Structures are given as C-alpha cells and as structure tokens.
Amino acid sequence: MAKAKLIDIAHGRSGDKGNGSNVGIIARHPEIYPFLKETLTTERVKEHMKDVCKGKVERYELPQLGALNFMLNESLGGGGTVSLKLDAQGKTHAALVLRMELDVPDELLKLVKEN
C-alpha cells in the first residue's frame, strides 16, 4: 500500500444540477474500478467535501464505464442563478474530490504507471 491522491488512479468530470453538483470519477484502468467501488463510499466523499456539500451524497455505479457518479446535494448555494458562490456551477468539484488521499495497493499504482 502507498499513499496516493485519487487523481493518480482516476480522472473526473463535474457539473451542476440545480443546487447540486454531479461528480463522475472514472478509473484509469479497468482493474482499478473494484477498488474505487469499495473505497469511495458516500460517507467518505461527504467527509472530504463537508465544507462544500451541505446535503446528502448519492452514489451511482457505472461498471460498464468503470465509473462512479456522485450527486452532491445542496453544494451550490442555491444554484447558478441565485448563488453568491464563486463556483456556483460545480465545475471544480471533481478536482476537489480527485485530491482525496487514499491508501492504494501498489499493484494498482503500477498498472497506471505502465499504461
């Protein structure tokens, strides 16, 4: 095991849905997806994003894409048209999630470095 940032084993995309942001996390290799599925729980994402996300975190699994999609409810200060937040559309929320530090098995880090 080694300490690594989520960005070392996954990439992400995010955007807005009303007063919530949508964060997709995609494994950089198919063998990484099971680790992400086990490790990236709604509780863990909620804790990491606690200063941004004031509501419930929901997770949707997309195994055919090797991805997890998270809805961060109440994370945009009311939404793009009413919020005073700098990023009221959630474009940077994936970048924040990707900075989460994890204990990653060495063999998964090796897979990413080889490809």
C-alpha atoms as a PDB file:
ATOM      1  CA  MET A   1       0.000   0.000   0.000  1.00  0.00           C
ATOM      2  CA  ALA A   2       1.063   3.543  -0.688  1.00  0.00           C
ATOM      3  CA  LYS A   3      -0.423   6.954  -0.001  1.00  0.00           C
ATOM      4  CA  ALA A   4      -1.686   8.476  -3.234  1.00  0.00           C
ATOM      5  CA  LYS A   5      -4.186  11.016  -4.434  1.00  0.00           C
ATOM      6  CA  LEU A   6      -7.323   9.777  -6.157  1.00  0.00           C
ATOM      7  CA  ILE A   7      -6.160  11.636  -9.276  1.00  0.00           C
ATOM      8  CA  ASP A   8      -3.272   9.155  -9.537  1.00  0.00           C
ATOM      9  CA  ILE A   9      -5.699   6.302 -10.279  1.00  0.00           C
ATOM     10  CA  ALA A  10      -8.780   8.075 -11.661  1.00  0.00           C
ATOM     11  CA  HIS A  11      -9.937  11.102 -13.563  1.00  0.00           C
ATOM     12  CA  GLY A  12     -13.142  13.039 -13.178  1.00  0.00           C
ATOM     13  CA  ARG A  13     -15.755  15.367 -14.619  1.00  0.00           C
ATOM     14  CA  SER A  14     -18.266  17.545 -12.857  1.00  0.00           C
ATOM     15  CA  GLY A  15     -21.062  19.974 -13.445  1.00  0.00           C
ATOM     16  CA  ASP A  16     -24.251  21.290 -11.935  1.00  0.00           C
ATOM     17  CA  LYS A  17     -27.799  20.085 -11.494  1.00  0.00           C
ATOM     18  CA  GLY A  18     -29.793  22.841  -9.804  1.00  0.00           C
ATOM     19  CA  ASN A  19     -28.470  23.187  -6.251  1.00  0.00           C
ATOM     20  CA  GLY A  20     -26.363  20.039  -6.544  1.00  0.00           C
ATOM     21  CA  SER A  21     -23.177  19.126  -8.307  1.00  0.00           C
ATOM     22  CA  ASN A  22     -22.623  15.986 -10.299  1.00  0.00           C
ATOM     23  CA  VAL A  23     -19.152  14.407  -9.941  1.00  0.00           C
ATOM     24  CA  GLY A  24     -18.079  11.480 -12.094  1.00  0.00           C
ATOM     25  CA  ILE A  25     -14.969   9.532 -11.094  1.00  0.00           C
ATOM     26  CA  ILE A  26     -13.552   7.221 -13.789  1.00  0.00           C
ATOM     27  CA  ALA A  27     -10.913   4.540 -13.184  1.00  0.00           C
ATOM     28  CA  ARG A  28      -7.718   4.954 -15.210  1.00  0.00           C
ATOM     29  CA  HIS A  29      -7.598   1.143 -15.698  1.00  0.00           C
ATOM     30  CA  PRO A  30     -10.405  -1.451 -15.584  1.00  0.00           C
ATOM     31  CA  GLU A  31      -8.756  -3.277 -12.659  1.00  0.00           C
ATOM     32  CA  ILE A  32      -8.958  -0.110 -10.553  1.00  0.00           C
ATOM     33  CA  TYR A  33     -12.763   0.100 -10.676  1.00  0.00           C
ATOM     34  CA  PRO A  34     -13.416  -2.564  -7.969  1.00  0.00           C
ATOM     35  CA  PHE A  35     -11.070  -0.686  -5.630  1.00  0.00           C
ATOM     36  CA  LEU A  36     -12.890   2.591  -6.307  1.00  0.00           C
ATOM     37  CA  LYS A  37     -16.251   0.894  -5.772  1.00  0.00           C
ATOM     38  CA  GLU A  38     -15.110  -0.407  -2.380  1.00  0.00           C
ATOM     39  CA  THR A  39     -13.220   2.696  -1.259  1.00  0.00           C
ATOM     40  CA  LEU A  40     -15.229   5.687  -2.487  1.00  0.00           C
ATOM     41  CA  THR A  41     -18.273   5.444  -0.284  1.00  0.00           C
ATOM     42  CA  THR A  42     -20.853   8.181   0.047  1.00  0.00           C
ATOM     43  CA  GLU A  43     -19.643   8.719   3.619  1.00  0.00           C
ATOM     44  CA  ARG A  44     -16.041   9.180   2.526  1.00  0.00           C
ATOM     45  CA  VAL A  45     -16.944  11.626  -0.239  1.00  0.00           C
ATOM     46  CA  LYS A  46     -19.260  13.523   2.123  1.00  0.00           C
ATOM     47  CA  GLU A  47     -16.483  13.857   4.719  1.00  0.00           C
ATOM     48  CA  HIS A  48     -13.992  15.025   2.092  1.00  0.00           C
ATOM     49  CA  MET A  49     -16.466  17.568   0.679  1.00  0.00           C
ATOM     50  CA  LYS A  50     -18.051  18.636   4.004  1.00  0.00           C
ATOM     51  CA  ASP A  51     -17.159  22.303   3.501  1.00  0.00           C
ATOM     52  CA  VAL A  52     -18.894  22.312   0.108  1.00  0.00           C
ATOM     53  CA  CYS A  53     -21.698  19.749   0.325  1.00  0.00           C
ATOM     54  CA  LYS A  54     -24.390  20.570   2.876  1.00  0.00           C
ATOM     55  CA  GLY A  55     -26.847  17.858   1.793  1.00  0.00           C
ATOM     56  CA  LYS A  56     -26.896  14.158   1.101  1.00  0.00           C
ATOM     57  CA  VAL A  57     -24.338  12.477  -1.170  1.00  0.00           C
ATOM     58  CA  GLU A  58     -25.756   9.866  -3.529  1.00  0.00           C
ATOM     59  CA  ARG A  59     -23.657   7.341  -5.485  1.00  0.00           C
ATOM     60  CA  TYR A  60     -24.460   5.629  -8.765  1.00  0.00           C
ATOM     61  CA  GLU A  61     -22.334   2.779 -10.104  1.00  0.00           C
ATOM     62  CA  LEU A  62     -21.484   2.563 -13.796  1.00  0.00           C
ATOM     63  CA  PRO A  63     -19.458  -0.660 -14.075  1.00  0.00           C
ATOM     64  CA  GLN A  64     -19.581  -0.743 -17.867  1.00  0.00           C
ATOM     65  CA  LEU A  65     -17.715   2.594 -17.836  1.00  0.00           C
ATOM     66  CA  GLY A  66     -15.531   1.806 -14.822  1.00  0.00           C
ATOM     67  CA  ALA A  67     -17.013   4.861 -13.146  1.00  0.00           C
ATOM     68  CA  LEU A  68     -18.879   6.107 -10.100  1.00  0.00           C
ATOM     69  CA  ASN A  69     -21.170   9.113 -10.253  1.00  0.00           C
ATOM     70  CA  PHE A  70     -21.822  11.183  -7.140  1.00  0.00           C
ATOM     71  CA  MET A  71     -24.581  13.728  -6.652  1.00  0.00           C
ATOM     72  CA  LEU A  72     -23.582  16.288  -4.024  1.00  0.00           C
ATOM     73  CA  ASN A  73     -26.900  17.777  -2.971  1.00  0.00           C
ATOM     74  CA  GLU A  74     -27.021  21.305  -1.575  1.00  0.00           C
ATOM     75  CA  SER A  75     -23.496  22.073  -2.743  1.00  0.00           C
ATOM     76  CA  LEU A  76     -24.084  25.150  -4.906  1.00  0.00           C
ATOM     77  CA  GLY A  77     -25.585  27.711  -2.552  1.00  0.00           C
ATOM     78  CA  GLY A  78     -28.978  27.576  -4.248  1.00  0.00           C
ATOM     79  CA  GLY A  79     -27.786  27.085  -7.823  1.00  0.00           C
ATOM     80  CA  GLY A  80     -26.121  29.072 -10.575  1.00  0.00           C
ATOM     81  CA  THR A  81     -28.716  31.815 -10.884  1.00  0.00           C
ATOM     82  CA  VAL A  82     -29.136  32.634  -7.178  1.00  0.00           C
ATOM     83  CA  SER A  83     -25.841  31.738  -5.521  1.00  0.00           C
ATOM     84  CA  LEU A  84     -23.103  34.109  -4.428  1.00  0.00           C
ATOM     85  CA  LYS A  85     -20.564  31.256  -4.552  1.00  0.00           C
ATOM     86  CA  LEU A  86     -17.564  31.687  -6.856  1.00  0.00           C
ATOM     87  CA  ASP A  87     -18.213  28.286  -8.474  1.00  0.00           C
ATOM     88  CA  ALA A  88     -21.997  28.093  -8.388  1.00  0.00           C
ATOM     89  CA  GLN A  89     -21.976  25.556 -11.194  1.00  0.00           C
ATOM     90  CA  GLY A  90     -19.757  22.868  -9.672  1.00  0.00           C
ATOM     91  CA  LYS A  91     -17.170  22.769 -12.459  1.00  0.00           C
ATOM     92  CA  THR A  92     -14.299  22.376  -9.980  1.00  0.00           C
ATOM     93  CA  HIS A  93     -15.905  19.819  -7.669  1.00  0.00           C
ATOM     94  CA  ALA A  94     -14.322  16.845  -9.465  1.00  0.00           C
ATOM     95  CA  ALA A  95     -10.921  18.481  -8.972  1.00  0.00           C
ATOM     96  CA  LEU A  96     -11.620  18.715  -5.243  1.00  0.00           C
ATOM     97  CA  VAL A  97     -12.683  15.069  -4.977  1.00  0.00           C
ATOM     98  CA  LEU A  98      -9.623  13.966  -7.003  1.00  0.00           C
ATOM     99  CA  ARG A  99      -7.369  15.475  -4.334  1.00  0.00           C
ATOM    100  CA  MET A 100      -8.627  12.961  -1.768  1.00  0.00           C
ATOM    101  CA  GLU A 101      -5.752  10.962  -0.283  1.00  0.00           C
ATOM    102  CA  LEU A 102      -6.082   7.169  -0.256  1.00  0.00           C
ATOM    103  CA  ASP A 103      -4.112   4.076   0.686  1.00  0.00           C
ATOM    104  CA  VAL A 104      -3.767   2.437  -2.724  1.00  0.00           C
ATOM    105  CA  PRO A 105      -2.432  -1.083  -3.355  1.00  0.00           C
ATOM    106  CA  ASP A 106       0.980  -0.950  -5.056  1.00  0.00           C
ATOM    107  CA  GLU A 107      -0.204  -3.190  -7.904  1.00  0.00           C
ATOM    108  CA  LEU A 108      -2.904  -0.667  -8.876  1.00  0.00           C
ATOM    109  CA  LEU A 109      -0.426   2.205  -8.938  1.00  0.00           C
ATOM    110  CA  LYS A 110       1.854   0.044 -11.069  1.00  0.00           C
ATOM    111  CA  LEU A 111      -0.952  -0.561 -13.590  1.00  0.00           C
ATOM    112  CA  VAL A 112      -1.380   3.172 -14.106  1.00  0.00           C
ATOM    113  CA  LYS A 113       2.349   3.794 -14.481  1.00  0.00           C
ATOM    114  CA  GLU A 114       2.648   1.022 -17.085  1.00  0.00           C
ATOM    115  CA  ASN A 115      -0.099   2.451 -19.296  1.00  0.00           C
END
